[in-house]
Protein backbone atom coordinates (compact mmCIF):
# COMPACT_ATOMS: atom_id res chain seq x y z
CA UNK A 1 17.47 -30.72 1.90
CA UNK A 2 19.15 -27.17 2.11
CA UNK A 3 15.94 -24.90 2.02
CA UNK A 4 14.36 -27.26 4.58
CA UNK A 5 17.55 -26.93 6.72
CA UNK A 6 17.67 -22.74 5.81
CA UNK A 7 13.87 -22.86 6.77
CA UNK A 8 14.74 -24.66 9.96
CA UNK A 9 17.82 -22.27 11.05
CA UNK A 10 15.39 -19.18 10.29
CA UNK A 11 13.01 -20.41 12.71
CA UNK A 12 15.25 -20.74 15.71
CA UNK A 13 17.40 -17.58 15.10
CA UNK A 14 16.13 -14.44 16.92
CA UNK A 15 14.64 -12.24 14.52
CA UNK A 16 12.88 -8.88 14.68
CA UNK A 17 9.57 -8.62 16.02
CA UNK A 18 6.46 -6.84 15.09
CA UNK A 19 6.20 -3.93 14.43
CA UNK A 20 9.35 -4.85 11.89
CA UNK A 21 10.19 -0.83 11.36
CA UNK A 22 9.06 2.80 11.60
CA UNK A 23 6.85 4.05 9.14
CA UNK A 24 3.38 4.43 7.37
CA UNK A 25 1.15 3.39 3.91
CA UNK A 26 3.40 0.48 3.19
CA UNK A 27 2.73 -0.97 -0.43
CA UNK A 28 4.17 -4.45 -0.59
CA UNK A 29 5.37 -6.79 -3.69
CA UNK A 30 7.13 -9.34 -4.49
CA UNK A 31 10.25 -9.25 -7.33
CA UNK A 32 12.65 -11.54 -8.09
CA UNK A 33 13.54 -13.96 -4.80
CA UNK A 34 12.89 -10.63 -2.83
CA UNK A 35 9.83 -8.68 -0.99
CA UNK A 36 9.71 -5.10 -1.75
CA UNK A 37 7.84 -2.27 0.50
CA UNK A 38 7.49 1.22 -0.30
CA UNK A 39 6.20 3.40 2.47
CA UNK A 40 5.83 7.11 3.61
CA UNK A 41 9.22 7.71 5.04
CA UNK A 42 9.25 7.82 8.56
CA UNK A 43 10.11 11.39 10.06
CA UNK A 44 11.94 12.48 6.71
CA UNK A 45 12.41 16.13 6.15
CA UNK A 46 12.70 15.79 2.58
CA UNK A 47 9.58 14.98 0.45
CA UNK A 48 11.65 11.79 -0.51
CA UNK A 49 10.34 8.14 -1.13
CA UNK A 50 12.94 5.18 -0.43
CA UNK A 51 12.89 1.20 -1.27
CA UNK A 52 13.04 -1.20 1.55
CA UNK A 53 13.94 -5.16 0.49
CA UNK A 54 13.43 -8.35 2.60
CA UNK A 55 13.82 -12.24 1.98
CA UNK A 56 11.15 -12.88 4.84
CA UNK A 57 9.29 -10.02 5.43
CA UNK A 58 10.67 -9.73 9.04
CA UNK A 59 13.92 -8.15 8.19
CA UNK A 60 13.97 -5.08 5.87
CA UNK A 61 16.84 -3.32 4.45
CA UNK A 62 16.71 0.41 3.34
CA UNK A 63 18.03 0.46 -0.36
CA UNK A 64 18.05 3.72 -0.68
CA UNK A 65 16.17 6.51 -1.99
CA UNK A 66 14.43 6.32 -5.21
CA UNK A 67 12.70 9.64 -5.92
CA UNK A 68 13.11 12.99 -4.26
CA UNK A 69 10.01 15.53 -5.40
CA UNK A 70 12.59 18.65 -4.76
CA UNK A 71 14.05 17.32 -8.36
CA UNK A 72 11.01 16.59 -10.15
CA UNK A 73 9.96 20.06 -11.55
CA UNK A 74 6.18 20.06 -11.91
CA UNK A 75 5.59 19.32 -8.15
CA UNK A 76 6.70 23.07 -7.33
CA UNK A 77 4.60 24.77 -10.04
CA UNK A 78 1.34 24.83 -7.41
CA UNK A 79 3.28 27.44 -5.66
CA UNK A 80 2.44 26.00 -2.16
CA UNK A 81 5.47 26.36 0.21
CA UNK A 82 6.41 22.92 1.20
CA UNK A 83 5.12 20.04 -0.29
CA UNK A 84 4.36 16.08 1.56
CA UNK A 85 5.52 12.50 -0.48
CA UNK A 86 3.05 10.39 0.72
CA UNK A 87 1.41 7.05 0.30
CA UNK A 88 3.27 5.46 -2.97
CA UNK A 89 2.25 2.11 -4.95
CA UNK A 90 4.53 0.04 -7.14
CA UNK A 91 3.35 -1.95 -10.25
CA UNK A 92 5.74 -3.92 -12.25
CA UNK A 93 4.61 -4.57 -15.74
CA UNK A 94 6.65 -5.95 -18.91
CA UNK A 95 9.70 -5.87 -17.43
CA UNK A 96 9.39 -2.17 -16.06
CA UNK A 97 8.61 -0.73 -12.77
CA UNK A 98 6.16 1.85 -12.31
CA UNK A 99 5.82 4.12 -9.16
CA UNK A 100 2.61 6.04 -8.48
CA UNK A 101 2.88 8.52 -5.42
CA UNK A 102 1.06 11.30 -3.48
CA UNK A 103 2.01 15.08 -3.56
CA UNK A 104 0.81 17.26 -0.48
CA UNK A 105 -0.09 19.80 0.44
CA UNK A 106 -4.11 19.07 0.09
CA UNK A 107 -4.60 22.48 1.25
CA UNK A 108 -4.62 25.19 -0.39
CA UNK A 109 -3.26 24.03 -3.30
CA UNK A 110 -4.68 20.63 -4.44
CA UNK A 111 -3.18 17.20 -3.80
CA UNK A 112 -1.68 15.32 -6.91
CA UNK A 113 -0.53 11.92 -7.91
CA UNK A 114 2.59 11.39 -10.18
CA UNK A 115 4.34 8.36 -11.61
CA UNK A 116 7.60 7.75 -12.50
CA UNK A 117 9.19 4.59 -14.54
CA UNK A 118 12.33 2.22 -13.56
CA UNK A 119 13.72 -0.56 -14.84
CA UNK A 120 14.28 -2.01 -11.50
CA UNK A 121 12.96 -2.04 -7.63
CA UNK A 122 15.49 0.57 -6.98
CA UNK A 123 15.26 2.77 -10.28
CA UNK A 124 16.75 4.74 -10.92
CA UNK A 125 13.17 6.26 -11.65
CA UNK A 126 12.26 8.74 -14.26
CA UNK A 127 9.18 11.16 -13.62
CA UNK A 128 6.53 11.14 -16.73
CA UNK A 129 6.88 15.15 -16.47
CA UNK A 130 3.30 16.10 -14.99
CA UNK A 131 0.68 14.86 -12.84
CA UNK A 132 -1.52 11.72 -13.59
CA UNK A 133 -4.49 13.14 -11.65
CA UNK A 134 -5.01 16.27 -9.69
CA UNK A 135 -7.57 16.49 -7.06
CA UNK A 136 -10.59 19.54 -6.65
CA UNK A 137 -14.13 20.05 -6.35
CA UNK A 138 -14.12 17.73 -3.09
CA UNK A 139 -12.15 14.80 -4.45
CA UNK A 140 -8.14 14.51 -3.15
CA UNK A 141 -5.79 12.62 -5.20
CA UNK A 142 -4.13 10.59 -2.92
CA UNK A 143 -3.54 7.27 -2.18
CA UNK A 144 -2.71 5.56 -5.63
CA UNK A 145 -2.58 1.85 -6.18
CA UNK A 146 -2.36 -0.15 -9.70
CA UNK A 147 -3.55 -3.74 -10.16
CA UNK A 148 -2.48 -5.60 -13.10
CA UNK A 149 -5.47 -8.04 -13.64
CA UNK A 150 -3.35 -11.54 -14.31
CA UNK A 151 -6.54 -12.88 -16.19
CA UNK A 152 -6.37 -10.26 -19.25
CA UNK A 153 -3.13 -8.16 -18.01
CA UNK A 154 -5.12 -4.99 -18.06
CA UNK A 155 -4.37 -2.40 -15.32
CA UNK A 156 -6.32 -0.69 -13.05
CA UNK A 157 -5.74 2.48 -11.13
CA UNK A 158 -7.43 3.49 -7.87
CA UNK A 159 -6.96 6.50 -5.83
CA UNK A 160 -8.71 8.82 -3.23
CA UNK A 161 -10.03 9.50 0.01
CA UNK A 162 -9.78 11.47 3.20
CA UNK A 163 -11.89 14.22 3.67
CA UNK A 164 -13.72 13.78 0.22
CA UNK A 165 -13.79 9.76 1.03
CA UNK A 166 -14.50 9.39 -2.82
CA UNK A 167 -12.71 6.49 -4.65
CA UNK A 168 -12.10 6.90 -8.40
CA UNK A 169 -11.38 4.07 -10.63
CA UNK A 170 -9.52 4.48 -14.08
CA UNK A 171 -8.52 1.78 -17.13
CA UNK A 172 -4.77 2.59 -17.62
CA UNK A 173 -3.13 2.72 -21.13
CA UNK A 174 -0.65 0.39 -22.06
CA UNK A 175 2.18 2.86 -21.54
CA UNK A 176 0.88 2.98 -17.98
CA UNK A 177 1.52 6.64 -17.35
CA UNK A 178 -1.64 7.57 -18.78
CA UNK A 179 -5.48 6.74 -18.75
CA UNK A 180 -7.65 5.13 -21.30
CA UNK A 181 -10.84 5.56 -19.30
CA UNK A 182 -12.67 6.45 -15.98
CA UNK A 183 -14.88 3.48 -14.75
CA UNK A 184 -18.07 4.91 -13.15
CA UNK A 185 -18.47 3.02 -9.54
CA UNK A 186 -20.68 2.80 -6.59
CA UNK A 187 -18.65 4.15 -3.71
CA UNK A 188 -17.89 1.14 -1.44
CA UNK A 189 -19.37 0.87 1.78
CA UNK A 190 -17.42 2.62 4.77
CA UNK A 191 -14.73 3.51 2.41
CA UNK A 192 -12.37 6.48 3.64
CA UNK A 193 -8.96 5.94 1.85
CA UNK A 194 -6.11 3.67 1.22
CA UNK A 195 -7.65 1.63 -1.53
CA UNK A 196 -6.21 -1.73 -2.42
CA UNK A 197 -6.64 -4.58 -4.89
CA UNK A 198 -5.63 -8.14 -5.09
CA UNK A 199 -6.85 -11.33 -6.77
CA UNK A 200 -7.31 -14.93 -5.09
CA UNK A 201 -8.70 -17.38 -7.41
CA UNK A 202 -11.73 -15.91 -9.19
CA UNK A 203 -12.28 -13.36 -6.42
CA UNK A 204 -11.49 -9.72 -6.76
CA UNK A 205 -10.84 -8.06 -3.12
CA UNK A 206 -10.98 -3.94 -2.69
CA UNK A 207 -9.87 -3.19 0.60
CA UNK A 208 -9.35 -0.11 2.33
CA UNK A 209 -9.18 1.98 5.31
CA UNK A 210 -11.99 3.45 7.25
CA UNK A 211 -12.10 6.25 9.84
CA UNK A 212 -9.64 8.61 10.73
CA UNK A 213 -5.95 8.30 10.16
CA UNK A 214 -4.95 9.25 13.78
CA UNK A 215 -7.38 7.93 16.04
CA UNK A 216 -8.70 4.49 17.12
CA UNK A 217 -11.69 4.59 14.77
CA UNK A 218 -8.93 3.94 11.55
CA UNK A 219 -9.31 0.02 10.85
CA UNK A 220 -9.48 -1.92 7.57
CA UNK A 221 -12.59 -3.43 5.81
CA UNK A 222 -12.92 -4.81 2.26
CA UNK A 223 -15.50 -5.81 -0.48
CA UNK A 224 -15.32 -8.69 -3.15
CA UNK A 225 -16.43 -8.62 -6.50
CA UNK A 226 -16.05 -10.57 -9.82
CA UNK A 227 -13.94 -8.28 -11.59
CA UNK A 228 -11.47 -5.43 -10.81
CA UNK A 229 -14.14 -2.90 -11.80
CA UNK A 230 -16.79 -4.14 -9.44
CA UNK A 231 -19.66 -3.91 -8.15
CA UNK A 232 -18.41 -4.47 -5.09
CA UNK A 233 -20.04 -6.49 -2.11
CA UNK A 234 -19.51 -5.24 1.43
CA UNK A 235 -17.57 -8.25 3.60
CA UNK A 236 -16.83 -5.74 6.60
CA UNK A 237 -14.03 -5.12 8.91
CA UNK A 238 -10.86 -7.68 9.34
CA UNK A 239 -8.43 -5.25 11.15
CA UNK A 240 -9.41 -2.88 14.13
CA UNK A 241 -7.77 -1.48 17.13
CA UNK A 242 -7.31 -3.74 20.16
CA UNK A 243 -5.96 -3.27 23.69
CA UNK A 244 -2.66 -2.28 22.58
CA UNK A 245 -2.63 -0.95 19.24
CA UNK A 246 -4.58 1.64 17.72
CA UNK A 247 -5.61 2.76 14.32
CA UNK A 248 -4.38 -0.40 12.01
CA UNK A 249 -4.47 0.52 8.22
CA UNK A 250 -3.19 2.12 4.99
CA UNK A 251 -2.32 -1.82 4.12
CA UNK A 252 -1.22 -3.65 1.15
CA UNK A 253 -1.84 -7.47 0.47
CA UNK A 254 1.51 -9.46 -1.04
CA UNK A 255 1.48 -13.23 -1.61
CA UNK A 256 4.59 -15.54 -1.50
CA UNK A 257 4.54 -16.98 -4.89
CA UNK A 258 5.87 -20.56 -3.61
CA UNK A 259 4.01 -21.26 -0.77
CA UNK A 260 0.60 -19.35 -1.64
CA UNK A 261 0.61 -17.96 1.44
CA UNK A 262 -0.88 -14.30 1.90
CA UNK A 263 0.36 -11.26 4.00
CA UNK A 264 -1.17 -8.12 5.01
CA UNK A 265 1.42 -5.41 5.67
CA UNK A 266 0.03 -2.38 7.36
CA UNK A 267 0.83 0.47 9.92
CA UNK A 268 -0.48 1.01 13.56
CA UNK A 269 0.18 3.32 16.38
CA UNK A 270 1.78 1.53 19.51
CA UNK A 271 -0.50 2.82 22.45
CA UNK A 272 -3.44 1.36 24.57
CA UNK A 273 -4.63 4.94 24.58
CA UNK A 274 -8.02 5.06 22.78
CA UNK A 275 -8.37 8.62 22.20
CA UNK A 276 -7.00 10.64 19.74
CA UNK A 277 -5.29 12.63 17.67
CA UNK A 278 -2.20 10.32 18.19
CA UNK A 279 1.24 11.80 17.56
CA UNK A 280 4.72 10.61 16.90
CA UNK A 281 5.69 7.91 14.59
CA UNK A 282 3.63 4.97 13.17
CA UNK A 283 5.22 1.45 12.93
CA UNK A 284 4.85 -1.00 10.09
CA UNK A 285 3.85 -4.75 11.14
CA UNK A 286 3.28 -7.90 9.11
CA UNK A 287 0.55 -10.44 9.80
CA UNK A 288 -0.42 -13.56 7.95
CA UNK A 289 -3.72 -13.63 6.25
CA UNK A 290 -6.43 -16.72 6.13
CA UNK A 291 -9.08 -17.15 3.93
CA UNK A 292 -12.18 -19.56 4.99
CA UNK A 293 -13.66 -21.97 2.30
CA UNK A 294 -15.79 -19.54 0.70
CA UNK A 295 -12.79 -17.38 0.14
CA UNK A 296 -13.71 -14.51 2.79
CA UNK A 297 -10.93 -13.08 4.72
CA UNK A 298 -10.81 -14.25 8.30
CA UNK A 299 -10.36 -11.47 11.03
CA UNK A 300 -6.84 -10.40 11.15
CA UNK A 301 -5.24 -10.16 14.68
CA UNK A 302 -2.62 -7.92 15.34
CA UNK A 303 0.51 -9.63 17.04
CA UNK A 304 4.07 -8.62 18.79
CA UNK A 305 6.80 -10.87 18.93
CA UNK A 306 7.69 -13.13 16.01
CA UNK A 307 6.25 -11.68 12.84
CA UNK A 308 5.53 -14.05 9.70
CA UNK A 309 8.34 -15.73 8.27
CA UNK A 310 7.75 -16.73 4.63
CA UNK A 311 11.19 -16.74 2.14
CA UNK A 312 10.46 -16.47 -1.72
CA UNK A 313 11.60 -19.44 -2.88
CA UNK A 314 11.22 -19.45 -7.01
């Protein structure tokens, strides 16, 4: 009775609307009774990452910095005059939290991916002490995502994209900070960057961004497979620019474990202008995701006003 009353109150209270916050490249997950999100920080002058917490996908509270690249010794070993903190991903396994993150620049020194380990969604996080993956030879080591398969508890690492537009896939060792093996995969159709993996039923969904990050071509596409290794069957574009918002992408999918509803958390540019390059801050938004009777993702429409409300009740 109390839960129904709280849900009814949530529907009538004035709540934040889409977009829900400033930022880009949001990785969202559920841990405990809360949603957690790890974005590329909006307009930060330091190479840092932070955690954001929400009970309903609408209202997000910044819980503080979880990693400062100025305090990670190996980051400065490339001799670059500056470093960027981009596109992180978080994974929970065995009571530990593993934070994977991109380190720029991509030129003249290659991009790198690091990993840090903590005991909670807010850490404190301890870096592994060295890069997990370094770019080079046409491959850009960016946009890490690690998926723990509920079918067998194996962990799979996905990364790469941008100018190289190359996806690489690895099986992780049990320590979650090193690779067991690299998997040779056929490049997904229209893949550019920002890979994300989720599983619904027996279907594995590899979704990713296509196009240029700062113009209206940026969009979300996906492919399906019967395993996290592929082979992938391209299914098309599910989220693209419209009359009011441009360049939606670099997203994550998150499931409410109580209601079994799925949502996409993504960034976009709040402009009707179609010609890039866009400048200024990107915004993060949340939309509900629906599937058809074959398990395919229905076209996702961007919204303004009320974003989805889906409290986690375990």
